[in-house]
Amino acid sequence: MDYKKSKAPVNTVTHNLMDLCDETGNIYESVAIIAKRANQISVQIKEDLSKKLAEFASYNDSLEEVFENREQIEISRYYEKLPKPTLLATQEFIEGKVYYRDPTRDAQPAEA
């Protein structure tokens, strides 16, 4: 997923609950799916940010020397301005881009 090009809003948006439960038929199931996807997105964003900031890491033994790198600050600001993972996950769910399955519904009872 390219969260950088997402159409998700940066600020909180109120959604109609009935629109969220259209696909699953249960609002709680929809919220659980969105929450799990938001966790996945959060981990992905954190890994990307950590990789980019690791390039600037200096491994000095001295705690007194703290270097402020302009590029590092700009990268951090960029990631702070991205939509939050919950907003990204909600937008994906509304657009139908989230794959989910319920194993209890998938299992068909054996006929005798």
PDB file of N, CA and C in Angstrom:
ATOM      1  N   MET A   1       0.829  -1.177   0.000  1.00  0.00           N
ATOM      2  CA  MET A   1       0.000   0.000   0.000  1.00  0.00           C
ATOM      3  C   MET A   1       0.871   1.237   0.000  1.00  0.00           C
ATOM      4  N   ASP A   2       0.502   2.204  -0.786  1.00  0.00           N
ATOM      5  CA  ASP A   2       1.252   3.444  -0.820  1.00  0.00           C
ATOM      6  C   ASP A   2       0.497   4.488  -0.006  1.00  0.00           C
ATOM      7  N   TYR A   3       0.831   4.580   1.264  1.00  0.00           N
ATOM      8  CA  TYR A   3       0.129   5.491   2.151  1.00  0.00           C
ATOM      9  C   TYR A   3       0.438   6.943   1.845  1.00  0.00           C
ATOM     10  N   LYS A   4       1.489   7.190   1.092  1.00  0.00           N
ATOM     11  CA  LYS A   4       1.861   8.557   0.740  1.00  0.00           C
ATOM     12  C   LYS A   4       0.896   9.158  -0.281  1.00  0.00           C
ATOM     13  N   LYS A   5       0.290   8.309  -1.107  1.00  0.00           N
ATOM     14  CA  LYS A   5      -0.623   8.783  -2.140  1.00  0.00           C
ATOM     15  C   LYS A   5      -2.081   8.494  -1.800  1.00  0.00           C
ATOM     16  N   SER A   6      -2.356   8.208  -0.556  1.00  0.00           N
ATOM     17  CA  SER A   6      -3.708   7.872  -0.134  1.00  0.00           C
ATOM     18  C   SER A   6      -4.610   9.095  -0.167  1.00  0.00           C
ATOM     19  N   LYS A   7      -5.888   8.849  -0.376  1.00  0.00           N
ATOM     20  CA  LYS A   7      -6.887   9.913  -0.368  1.00  0.00           C
ATOM     21  C   LYS A   7      -7.462  10.130   1.035  1.00  0.00           C
ATOM     22  N   ALA A   8      -6.877   9.491   2.012  1.00  0.00           N
ATOM     23  CA  ALA A   8      -7.387   9.595   3.382  1.00  0.00           C
ATOM     24  C   ALA A   8      -7.218  11.016   3.899  1.00  0.00           C
ATOM     25  N   PRO A   9      -8.200  11.497   4.645  1.00  0.00           N
ATOM     26  CA  PRO A   9      -8.102  12.856   5.195  1.00  0.00           C
ATOM     27  C   PRO A   9      -7.037  12.922   6.286  1.00  0.00           C
ATOM     28  N   VAL A  10      -6.461  14.092   6.462  1.00  0.00           N
ATOM     29  CA  VAL A  10      -5.445  14.288   7.498  1.00  0.00           C
ATOM     30  C   VAL A  10      -6.103  14.504   8.852  1.00  0.00           C
ATOM     31  N   ASN A  11      -7.288  15.090   8.844  1.00  0.00           N
ATOM     32  CA  ASN A  11      -8.027  15.339  10.089  1.00  0.00           C
ATOM     33  C   ASN A  11      -9.131  14.304  10.266  1.00  0.00           C
ATOM     34  N   THR A  12      -9.655  14.233  11.463  1.00  0.00           N
ATOM     35  CA  THR A  12     -10.717  13.292  11.781  1.00  0.00           C
ATOM     36  C   THR A  12     -11.983  13.627  11.002  1.00  0.00           C
ATOM     37  N   VAL A  13     -12.619  12.589  10.482  1.00  0.00           N
ATOM     38  CA  VAL A  13     -13.845  12.743   9.709  1.00  0.00           C
ATOM     39  C   VAL A  13     -14.911  11.849  10.335  1.00  0.00           C
ATOM     40  N   THR A  14     -16.121  12.361  10.419  1.00  0.00           N
ATOM     41  CA  THR A  14     -17.230  11.571  10.953  1.00  0.00           C
ATOM     42  C   THR A  14     -17.841  10.752   9.819  1.00  0.00           C
ATOM     43  N   HIS A  15     -17.979   9.450  10.048  1.00  0.00           N
ATOM     44  CA  HIS A  15     -18.574   8.551   9.054  1.00  0.00           C
ATOM     45  C   HIS A  15     -19.904   8.035   9.578  1.00  0.00           C
ATOM     46  N   ASN A  16     -20.778   7.727   8.665  1.00  0.00           N
ATOM     47  CA  ASN A  16     -22.045   7.112   9.018  1.00  0.00           C
ATOM     48  C   ASN A  16     -21.786   5.652   9.401  1.00  0.00           C
ATOM     49  N   LEU A  17     -22.235   5.256  10.558  1.00  0.00           N
ATOM     50  CA  LEU A  17     -21.998   3.888  11.022  1.00  0.00           C
ATOM     51  C   LEU A  17     -22.631   2.849  10.105  1.00  0.00           C
ATOM     52  N   MET A  18     -23.760   3.176   9.527  1.00  0.00           N
ATOM     53  CA  MET A  18     -24.430   2.226   8.638  1.00  0.00           C
ATOM     54  C   MET A  18     -23.597   1.971   7.375  1.00  0.00           C
ATOM     55  N   ASP A  19     -22.834   2.967   6.926  1.00  0.00           N
ATOM     56  CA  ASP A  19     -21.970   2.770   5.768  1.00  0.00           C
ATOM     57  C   ASP A  19     -20.819   1.818   6.103  1.00  0.00           C
ATOM     58  N   LEU A  20     -20.333   1.885   7.340  1.00  0.00           N
ATOM     59  CA  LEU A  20     -19.228   1.024   7.744  1.00  0.00           C
ATOM     60  C   LEU A  20     -19.660  -0.431   7.913  1.00  0.00           C
ATOM     61  N   CYS A  21     -20.909  -0.652   8.286  1.00  0.00           N
ATOM     62  CA  CYS A  21     -21.333  -2.033   8.515  1.00  0.00           C
ATOM     63  C   CYS A  21     -22.059  -2.635   7.310  1.00  0.00           C
ATOM     64  N   ASP A  22     -22.114  -1.928   6.190  1.00  0.00           N
ATOM     65  CA  ASP A  22     -22.758  -2.471   4.993  1.00  0.00           C
ATOM     66  C   ASP A  22     -22.105  -3.767   4.527  1.00  0.00           C
ATOM     67  N   GLU A  23     -20.782  -3.780   4.495  1.00  0.00           N
ATOM     68  CA  GLU A  23     -20.069  -4.927   3.934  1.00  0.00           C
ATOM     69  C   GLU A  23     -20.103  -6.147   4.844  1.00  0.00           C
ATOM     70  N   THR A  24     -19.965  -5.935   6.157  1.00  0.00           N
ATOM     71  CA  THR A  24     -19.900  -7.068   7.088  1.00  0.00           C
ATOM     72  C   THR A  24     -21.237  -7.379   7.736  1.00  0.00           C
ATOM     73  N   GLY A  25     -22.101  -6.389   7.833  1.00  0.00           N
ATOM     74  CA  GLY A  25     -23.376  -6.590   8.508  1.00  0.00           C
ATOM     75  C   GLY A  25     -23.290  -6.419  10.009  1.00  0.00           C
ATOM     76  N   ASN A  26     -22.107  -6.084  10.505  1.00  0.00           N
ATOM     77  CA  ASN A  26     -21.906  -5.930  11.937  1.00  0.00           C
ATOM     78  C   ASN A  26     -20.881  -4.821  12.155  1.00  0.00           C
ATOM     79  N   ILE A  27     -21.257  -3.774  12.868  1.00  0.00           N
ATOM     80  CA  ILE A  27     -20.367  -2.635  13.085  1.00  0.00           C
ATOM     81  C   ILE A  27     -19.132  -3.034  13.880  1.00  0.00           C
ATOM     82  N   TYR A  28     -19.284  -3.950  14.835  1.00  0.00           N
ATOM     83  CA  TYR A  28     -18.158  -4.365  15.664  1.00  0.00           C
ATOM     84  C   TYR A  28     -17.130  -5.139  14.844  1.00  0.00           C
ATOM     85  N   GLU A  29     -17.603  -5.953  13.926  1.00  0.00           N
ATOM     86  CA  GLU A  29     -16.701  -6.687  13.047  1.00  0.00           C
ATOM     87  C   GLU A  29     -15.955  -5.718  12.136  1.00  0.00           C
ATOM     88  N   SER A  30     -16.665  -4.725  11.627  1.00  0.00           N
ATOM     89  CA  SER A  30     -16.031  -3.722  10.770  1.00  0.00           C
ATOM     90  C   SER A  30     -14.947  -2.957  11.515  1.00  0.00           C
ATOM     91  N   VAL A  31     -15.246  -2.561  12.750  1.00  0.00           N
ATOM     92  CA  VAL A  31     -14.277  -1.821  13.554  1.00  0.00           C
ATOM     93  C   VAL A  31     -13.064  -2.700  13.866  1.00  0.00           C
ATOM     94  N   ALA A  32     -13.281  -3.974  14.131  1.00  0.00           N
ATOM     95  CA  ALA A  32     -12.167  -4.889  14.401  1.00  0.00           C
ATOM     96  C   ALA A  32     -11.273  -5.041  13.175  1.00  0.00           C
ATOM     97  N   ILE A  33     -11.875  -5.127  11.998  1.00  0.00           N
ATOM     98  CA  ILE A  33     -11.116  -5.244  10.755  1.00  0.00           C
ATOM     99  C   ILE A  33     -10.298  -3.968  10.525  1.00  0.00           C
ATOM    100  N   ILE A  34     -10.919  -2.819  10.734  1.00  0.00           N
ATOM    101  CA  ILE A  34     -10.225  -1.539  10.554  1.00  0.00           C
ATOM    102  C   ILE A  34      -9.085  -1.413  11.562  1.00  0.00           C
ATOM    103  N   ALA A  35      -9.307  -1.841  12.795  1.00  0.00           N
ATOM    104  CA  ALA A  35      -8.273  -1.751  13.826  1.00  0.00           C
ATOM    105  C   ALA A  35      -7.073  -2.630  13.489  1.00  0.00           C
ATOM    106  N   LYS A  36      -7.331  -3.843  13.006  1.00  0.00           N
ATOM    107  CA  LYS A  36      -6.222  -4.735  12.644  1.00  0.00           C
ATOM    108  C   LYS A  36      -5.430  -4.169  11.472  1.00  0.00           C
ATOM    109  N   ARG A  37      -6.131  -3.604  10.502  1.00  0.00           N
ATOM    110  CA  ARG A  37      -5.450  -3.001   9.355  1.00  0.00           C
ATOM    111  C   ARG A  37      -4.652  -1.762   9.785  1.00  0.00           C
ATOM    112  N   ALA A  38      -5.205  -0.980  10.722  1.00  0.00           N
ATOM    113  CA  ALA A  38      -4.500   0.193  11.221  1.00  0.00           C
ATOM    114  C   ALA A  38      -3.197  -0.209  11.922  1.00  0.00           C
ATOM    115  N   ASN A  39      -3.226  -1.313  12.651  1.00  0.00           N
ATOM    116  CA  ASN A  39      -2.000  -1.814  13.292  1.00  0.00           C
ATOM    117  C   ASN A  39      -0.965  -2.204  12.247  1.00  0.00           C
ATOM    118  N   GLN A  40      -1.393  -2.868  11.169  1.00  0.00           N
ATOM    119  CA  GLN A  40      -0.474  -3.246  10.098  1.00  0.00           C
ATOM    120  C   GLN A  40       0.151  -2.005   9.451  1.00  0.00           C
ATOM    121  N   ILE A  41      -0.667  -1.004   9.189  1.00  0.00           N
ATOM    122  CA  ILE A  41      -0.173   0.229   8.567  1.00  0.00           C
ATOM    123  C   ILE A  41       0.802   0.934   9.504  1.00  0.00           C
ATOM    124  N   SER A  42       0.472   0.972  10.789  1.00  0.00           N
ATOM    125  CA  SER A  42       1.332   1.617  11.777  1.00  0.00           C
ATOM    126  C   SER A  42       2.716   0.973  11.814  1.00  0.00           C
ATOM    127  N   VAL A  43       2.754  -0.339  11.793  1.00  0.00           N
ATOM    128  CA  VAL A  43       4.028  -1.061  11.803  1.00  0.00           C
ATOM    129  C   VAL A  43       4.818  -0.754  10.524  1.00  0.00           C
ATOM    130  N   GLN A  44       4.140  -0.723   9.395  1.00  0.00           N
ATOM    131  CA  GLN A  44       4.801  -0.442   8.129  1.00  0.00           C
ATOM    132  C   GLN A  44       5.385   0.976   8.105  1.00  0.00           C
ATOM    133  N   ILE A  45       4.628   1.944   8.576  1.00  0.00           N
ATOM    134  CA  ILE A  45       5.105   3.327   8.614  1.00  0.00           C
ATOM    135  C   ILE A  45       6.299   3.447   9.561  1.00  0.00           C
ATOM    136  N   LYS A  46       6.215   2.792  10.703  1.00  0.00           N
ATOM    137  CA  LYS A  46       7.310   2.857  11.668  1.00  0.00           C
ATOM    138  C   LYS A  46       8.582   2.233  11.104  1.00  0.00           C
ATOM    139  N   GLU A  47       8.451   1.119  10.385  1.00  0.00           N
ATOM    140  CA  GLU A  47       9.620   0.488   9.776  1.00  0.00           C
ATOM    141  C   GLU A  47      10.241   1.393   8.720  1.00  0.00           C
ATOM    142  N   ASP A  48       9.412   2.018   7.885  1.00  0.00           N
ATOM    143  CA  ASP A  48       9.918   2.920   6.862  1.00  0.00           C
ATOM    144  C   ASP A  48      10.648   4.105   7.481  1.00  0.00           C
ATOM    145  N   LEU A  49      10.060   4.687   8.502  1.00  0.00           N
ATOM    146  CA  LEU A  49      10.687   5.827   9.172  1.00  0.00           C
ATOM    147  C   LEU A  49      11.992   5.412   9.834  1.00  0.00           C
ATOM    148  N   SER A  50      12.006   4.268  10.474  1.00  0.00           N
ATOM    149  CA  SER A  50      13.227   3.792  11.132  1.00  0.00           C
ATOM    150  C   SER A  50      14.347   3.552  10.133  1.00  0.00           C
ATOM    151  N   LYS A  51      14.010   3.000   8.965  1.00  0.00           N
ATOM    152  CA  LYS A  51      15.023   2.779   7.926  1.00  0.00           C
ATOM    153  C   LYS A  51      15.624   4.093   7.459  1.00  0.00           C
ATOM    154  N   LYS A  52      14.774   5.097   7.247  1.00  0.00           N
ATOM    155  CA  LYS A  52      15.261   6.383   6.761  1.00  0.00           C
ATOM    156  C   LYS A  52      16.087   7.108   7.819  1.00  0.00           C
ATOM    157  N   LEU A  53      15.672   7.019   9.076  1.00  0.00           N
ATOM    158  CA  LEU A  53      16.406   7.702  10.136  1.00  0.00           C
ATOM    159  C   LEU A  53      17.690   6.965  10.513  1.00  0.00           C
ATOM    160  N   ALA A  54      17.744   5.666  10.240  1.00  0.00           N
ATOM    161  CA  ALA A  54      18.958   4.893  10.542  1.00  0.00           C
ATOM    162  C   ALA A  54      20.141   5.358   9.697  1.00  0.00           C
ATOM    163  N   GLU A  55      19.856   5.924   8.537  1.00  0.00           N
ATOM    164  CA  GLU A  55      20.924   6.430   7.684  1.00  0.00           C
ATOM    165  C   GLU A  55      21.669   7.578   8.350  1.00  0.00           C
ATOM    166  N   PHE A  56      21.001   8.307   9.246  1.00  0.00           N
ATOM    167  CA  PHE A  56      21.598   9.464   9.882  1.00  0.00           C
ATOM    168  C   PHE A  56      22.178   9.150  11.253  1.00  0.00           C
ATOM    169  N   ALA A  57      22.034   7.927  11.700  1.00  0.00           N
ATOM    170  CA  ALA A  57      22.474   7.563  13.048  1.00  0.00           C
ATOM    171  C   ALA A  57      23.994   7.623  13.141  1.00  0.00           C
ATOM    172  N   SER A  58      24.459   8.243  14.199  1.00  0.00           N
ATOM    173  CA  SER A  58      25.901   8.252  14.468  1.00  0.00           C
ATOM    174  C   SER A  58      26.124   7.468  15.750  1.00  0.00           C
ATOM    175  N   TYR A  59      27.076   6.590  15.709  1.00  0.00           N
ATOM    176  CA  TYR A  59      27.310   5.701  16.831  1.00  0.00           C
ATOM    177  C   TYR A  59      28.514   6.193  17.639  1.00  0.00           C
ATOM    178  N   ASN A  60      28.335   7.308  18.309  1.00  0.00           N
ATOM    179  CA  ASN A  60      29.376   7.845  19.178  1.00  0.00           C
ATOM    180  C   ASN A  60      29.079   7.443  20.611  1.00  0.00           C
ATOM    181  N   ASP A  61      30.147   7.275  21.382  1.00  0.00           N
ATOM    182  CA  ASP A  61      29.980   6.890  22.776  1.00  0.00           C
ATOM    183  C   ASP A  61      29.638   8.083  23.661  1.00  0.00           C
ATOM    184  N   SER A  62      29.826   9.261  23.141  1.00  0.00           N
ATOM    185  CA  SER A  62      29.598  10.457  23.931  1.00  0.00           C
ATOM    186  C   SER A  62      28.137  10.889  23.856  1.00  0.00           C
ATOM    187  N   LEU A  63      27.541  11.083  25.009  1.00  0.00           N
ATOM    188  CA  LEU A  63      26.159  11.533  25.052  1.00  0.00           C
ATOM    189  C   LEU A  63      26.071  13.048  24.936  1.00  0.00           C
ATOM    190  N   GLU A  64      27.184  13.731  25.097  1.00  0.00           N
ATOM    191  CA  GLU A  64      27.191  15.181  25.062  1.00  0.00           C
ATOM    192  C   GLU A  64      27.024  15.717  23.642  1.00  0.00           C
ATOM    193  N   GLU A  65      27.468  14.938  22.681  1.00  0.00           N
ATOM    194  CA  GLU A  65      27.402  15.390  21.297  1.00  0.00           C
ATOM    195  C   GLU A  65      26.066  14.984  20.680  1.00  0.00           C
ATOM    196  N   VAL A  66      25.233  15.956  20.438  1.00  0.00           N
ATOM    197  CA  VAL A  66      23.961  15.713  19.787  1.00  0.00           C
ATOM    198  C   VAL A  66      23.947  16.547  18.525  1.00  0.00           C
ATOM    199  N   PHE A  67      23.816  15.879  17.400  1.00  0.00           N
ATOM    200  CA  PHE A  67      23.829  16.579  16.131  1.00  0.00           C
ATOM    201  C   PHE A  67      22.406  16.680  15.602  1.00  0.00           C
ATOM    202  N   GLU A  68      22.024  17.877  15.223  1.00  0.00           N
ATOM    203  CA  GLU A  68      20.724  18.071  14.610  1.00  0.00           C
ATOM    204  C   GLU A  68      20.921  18.125  13.105  1.00  0.00           C
ATOM    205  N   ASN A  69      20.409  17.148  12.446  1.00  0.00           N
ATOM    206  CA  ASN A  69      20.540  17.078  11.008  1.00  0.00           C
ATOM    207  C   ASN A  69      19.270  17.612  10.370  1.00  0.00           C
ATOM    208  N   ARG A  70      19.400  18.577   9.483  1.00  0.00           N
ATOM    209  CA  ARG A  70      18.259  19.226   8.844  1.00  0.00           C
ATOM    210  C   ARG A  70      17.416  18.214   8.054  1.00  0.00           C
ATOM    211  N   GLU A  71      18.065  17.306   7.336  1.00  0.00           N
ATOM    212  CA  GLU A  71      17.338  16.292   6.548  1.00  0.00           C
ATOM    213  C   GLU A  71      16.553  15.357   7.453  1.00  0.00           C
ATOM    214  N   GLN A  72      17.133  15.016   8.574  1.00  0.00           N
ATOM    215  CA  GLN A  72      16.467  14.129   9.523  1.00  0.00           C
ATOM    216  C   GLN A  72      15.204  14.797  10.079  1.00  0.00           C
ATOM    217  N   ILE A  73      15.287  16.074  10.368  1.00  0.00           N
ATOM    218  CA  ILE A  73      14.141  16.811  10.877  1.00  0.00           C
ATOM    219  C   ILE A  73      13.046  16.896   9.824  1.00  0.00           C
ATOM    220  N   GLU A  74      13.430  17.114   8.570  1.00  0.00           N
ATOM    221  CA  GLU A  74      12.452  17.196   7.486  1.00  0.00           C
ATOM    222  C   GLU A  74      11.730  15.863   7.272  1.00  0.00           C
ATOM    223  N   ILE A  75      12.471  14.773   7.362  1.00  0.00           N
ATOM    224  CA  ILE A  75      11.856  13.441   7.215  1.00  0.00           C
ATOM    225  C   ILE A  75      10.857  13.206   8.345  1.00  0.00           C
ATOM    226  N   SER A  76      11.229  13.557   9.556  1.00  0.00           N
ATOM    227  CA  SER A  76      10.333  13.376  10.704  1.00  0.00           C
ATOM    228  C   SER A  76       9.069  14.221  10.547  1.00  0.00           C
ATOM    229  N   ARG A  77       9.228  15.442  10.093  1.00  0.00           N
ATOM    230  CA  ARG A  77       8.062  16.309   9.886  1.00  0.00           C
ATOM    231  C   ARG A  77       7.138  15.748   8.806  1.00  0.00           C
ATOM    232  N   TYR A  78       7.733  15.200   7.754  1.00  0.00           N
ATOM    233  CA  TYR A  78       6.923  14.621   6.682  1.00  0.00           C
ATOM    234  C   TYR A  78       6.054  13.491   7.222  1.00  0.00           C
ATOM    235  N   TYR A  79       6.645  12.612   8.020  1.00  0.00           N
ATOM    236  CA  TYR A  79       5.896  11.480   8.566  1.00  0.00           C
ATOM    237  C   TYR A  79       4.859  11.933   9.601  1.00  0.00           C
ATOM    238  N   GLU A  80       5.126  13.032  10.293  1.00  0.00           N
ATOM    239  CA  GLU A  80       4.147  13.559  11.238  1.00  0.00           C
ATOM    240  C   GLU A  80       2.918  14.108  10.527  1.00  0.00           C
ATOM    241  N   LYS A  81       3.097  14.600   9.304  1.00  0.00           N
ATOM    242  CA  LYS A  81       1.996  15.199   8.555  1.00  0.00           C
ATOM    243  C   LYS A  81       1.146  14.173   7.809  1.00  0.00           C
ATOM    244  N   LEU A  82       1.611  12.937   7.731  1.00  0.00           N
ATOM    245  CA  LEU A  82       0.828  11.891   7.066  1.00  0.00           C
ATOM    246  C   LEU A  82      -0.454  11.628   7.849  1.00  0.00           C
ATOM    247  N   PRO A  83      -1.500  11.156   7.167  1.00  0.00           N
ATOM    248  CA  PRO A  83      -2.717  10.767   7.898  1.00  0.00           C
ATOM    249  C   PRO A  83      -2.410   9.639   8.883  1.00  0.00           C
ATOM    250  N   LYS A  84      -3.131   9.628   9.964  1.00  0.00           N
ATOM    251  CA  LYS A  84      -2.930   8.597  10.984  1.00  0.00           C
ATOM    252  C   LYS A  84      -3.357   7.229  10.442  1.00  0.00           C
ATOM    253  N   PRO A  85      -2.757   6.155  10.957  1.00  0.00           N
ATOM    254  CA  PRO A  85      -3.079   4.810  10.464  1.00  0.00           C
ATOM    255  C   PRO A  85      -4.563   4.458  10.525  1.00  0.00           C
ATOM    256  N   THR A  86      -5.269   4.931  11.543  1.00  0.00           N
ATOM    257  CA  THR A  86      -6.699   4.625  11.634  1.00  0.00           C
ATOM    258  C   THR A  86      -7.476   5.279  10.499  1.00  0.00           C
ATOM    259  N   LEU A  87      -7.084   6.498  10.123  1.00  0.00           N
ATOM    260  CA  LEU A  87      -7.747   7.173   9.011  1.00  0.00           C
ATOM    261  C   LEU A  87      -7.437   6.477   7.686  1.00  0.00           C
ATOM    262  N   LEU A  88      -6.181   6.041   7.531  1.00  0.00           N
ATOM    263  CA  LEU A  88      -5.811   5.303   6.320  1.00  0.00           C
ATOM    264  C   LEU A  88      -6.577   3.989   6.224  1.00  0.00           C
ATOM    265  N   ALA A  89      -6.665   3.261   7.342  1.00  0.00           N
ATOM    266  CA  ALA A  89      -7.367   1.979   7.355  1.00  0.00           C
ATOM    267  C   ALA A  89      -8.852   2.153   7.090  1.00  0.00           C
ATOM    268  N   THR A  90      -9.451   3.179   7.661  1.00  0.00           N
ATOM    269  CA  THR A  90     -10.877   3.433   7.441  1.00  0.00           C
ATOM    270  C   THR A  90     -11.142   3.760   5.978  1.00  0.00           C
ATOM    271  N   GLN A  91     -10.282   4.565   5.386  1.00  0.00           N
ATOM    272  CA  GLN A  91     -10.439   4.917   3.973  1.00  0.00           C
ATOM    273  C   GLN A  91     -10.307   3.679   3.088  1.00  0.00           C
ATOM    274  N   GLU A  92      -9.343   2.830   3.388  1.00  0.00           N
ATOM    275  CA  GLU A  92      -9.184   1.585   2.627  1.00  0.00           C
ATOM    276  C   GLU A  92     -10.422   0.706   2.760  1.00  0.00           C
ATOM    277  N   PHE A  93     -10.958   0.606   3.965  1.00  0.00           N
ATOM    278  CA  PHE A  93     -12.131  -0.238   4.200  1.00  0.00           C
ATOM    279  C   PHE A  93     -13.334   0.287   3.427  1.00  0.00           C
ATOM    280  N   ILE A  94     -13.525   1.594   3.441  1.00  0.00           N
ATOM    281  CA  ILE A  94     -14.656   2.200   2.735  1.00  0.00           C
ATOM    282  C   ILE A  94     -14.525   1.984   1.226  1.00  0.00           C
ATOM    283  N   GLU A  95     -13.291   2.059   0.715  1.00  0.00           N
ATOM    284  CA  GLU A  95     -13.052   1.875  -0.716  1.00  0.00           C
ATOM    285  C   GLU A  95     -13.042   0.399  -1.117  1.00  0.00           C
ATOM    286  N   GLY A  96     -13.125  -0.509  -0.148  1.00  0.00           N
ATOM    287  CA  GLY A  96     -13.152  -1.939  -0.444  1.00  0.00           C
ATOM    288  C   GLY A  96     -11.792  -2.521  -0.777  1.00  0.00           C
ATOM    289  N   LYS A  97     -10.728  -1.916  -0.287  1.00  0.00           N
ATOM    290  CA  LYS A  97      -9.368  -2.370  -0.580  1.00  0.00           C
ATOM    291  C   LYS A  97      -8.798  -3.290   0.499  1.00  0.00           C
ATOM    292  N   VAL A  98      -9.592  -3.592   1.520  1.00  0.00           N
ATOM    293  CA  VAL A  98      -9.120  -4.438   2.618  1.00  0.00           C
ATOM    294  C   VAL A  98      -9.658  -5.845   2.411  1.00  0.00           C
ATOM    295  N   TYR A  99      -8.744  -6.814   2.386  1.00  0.00           N
ATOM    296  CA  TYR A  99      -9.157  -8.212   2.286  1.00  0.00           C
ATOM    297  C   TYR A  99      -9.269  -8.776   3.699  1.00  0.00           C
ATOM    298  N   TYR A 100     -10.357  -9.420   3.965  1.00  0.00           N
ATOM    299  CA  TYR A 100     -10.550 -10.077   5.254  1.00  0.00           C
ATOM    300  C   TYR A 100     -11.394 -11.319   5.025  1.00  0.00           C
ATOM    301  N   ARG A 101     -11.308 -12.233   5.983  1.00  0.00           N
ATOM    302  CA  ARG A 101     -12.148 -13.424   5.908  1.00  0.00           C
ATOM    303  C   ARG A 101     -12.469 -13.868   7.318  1.00  0.00           C
ATOM    304  N   ASP A 102     -13.559 -14.561   7.444  1.00  0.00           N
ATOM    305  CA  ASP A 102     -14.003 -15.093   8.726  1.00  0.00           C
ATOM    306  C   ASP A 102     -13.972 -16.610   8.624  1.00  0.00           C
ATOM    307  N   PRO A 103     -13.030 -17.255   9.297  1.00  0.00           N
ATOM    308  CA  PRO A 103     -12.923 -18.716   9.185  1.00  0.00           C
ATOM    309  C   PRO A 103     -14.176 -19.457   9.659  1.00  0.00           C
ATOM    310  N   THR A 104     -14.924 -18.856  10.573  1.00  0.00           N
ATOM    311  CA  THR A 104     -16.125 -19.543  11.059  1.00  0.00           C
ATOM    312  C   THR A 104     -17.216 -19.565   9.964  1.00  0.00           C
ATOM    313  N   ARG A 105     -17.239 -18.565   9.126  1.00  0.00           N
ATOM    314  CA  ARG A 105     -18.202 -18.540   8.032  1.00  0.00           C
ATOM    315  C   ARG A 105     -17.738 -19.357   6.833  1.00  0.00           C
ATOM    316  N   ASP A 106     -16.407 -19.437   6.680  1.00  0.00           N
ATOM    317  CA  ASP A 106     -15.847 -20.186   5.551  1.00  0.00           C
ATOM    318  C   ASP A 106     -16.027 -21.691   5.707  1.00  0.00           C
ATOM    319  N   ALA A 107     -15.990 -22.164   6.945  1.00  0.00           N
ATOM    320  CA  ALA A 107     -16.087 -23.601   7.208  1.00  0.00           C
ATOM    321  C   ALA A 107     -17.545 -24.041   7.001  1.00  0.00           C
ATOM    322  N   GLN A 108     -17.749 -24.918   6.067  1.00  0.00           N
ATOM    323  CA  GLN A 108     -19.078 -25.450   5.801  1.00  0.00           C
ATOM    324  C   GLN A 108     -19.270 -26.732   6.617  1.00  0.00           C
ATOM    325  N   PRO A 109     -20.376 -26.871   7.306  1.00  0.00           N
ATOM    326  CA  PRO A 109     -20.592 -28.087   8.084  1.00  0.00           C
ATOM    327  C   PRO A 109     -20.733 -29.298   7.160  1.00  0.00           C
ATOM    328  N   ALA A 110     -20.145 -30.390   7.567  1.00  0.00           N
ATOM    329  CA  ALA A 110     -20.212 -31.617   6.784  1.00  0.00           C
ATOM    330  C   ALA A 110     -21.615 -32.197   6.883  1.00  0.00           C
ATOM    331  N   GLU A 111     -22.136 -32.599   5.747  1.00  0.00           N
ATOM    332  CA  GLU A 111     -23.487 -33.165   5.750  1.00  0.00           C
ATOM    333  C   GLU A 111     -23.404 -34.661   6.013  1.00  0.00           C
ATOM    334  N   ALA A 112     -24.343 -35.166   6.800  1.00  0.00           N
ATOM    335  CA  ALA A 112     -24.340 -36.587   7.175  1.00  0.00           C
ATOM    336  C   ALA A 112     -25.087 -37.420   6.183  1.00  0.00           C
TER     337      ALA A 112
END
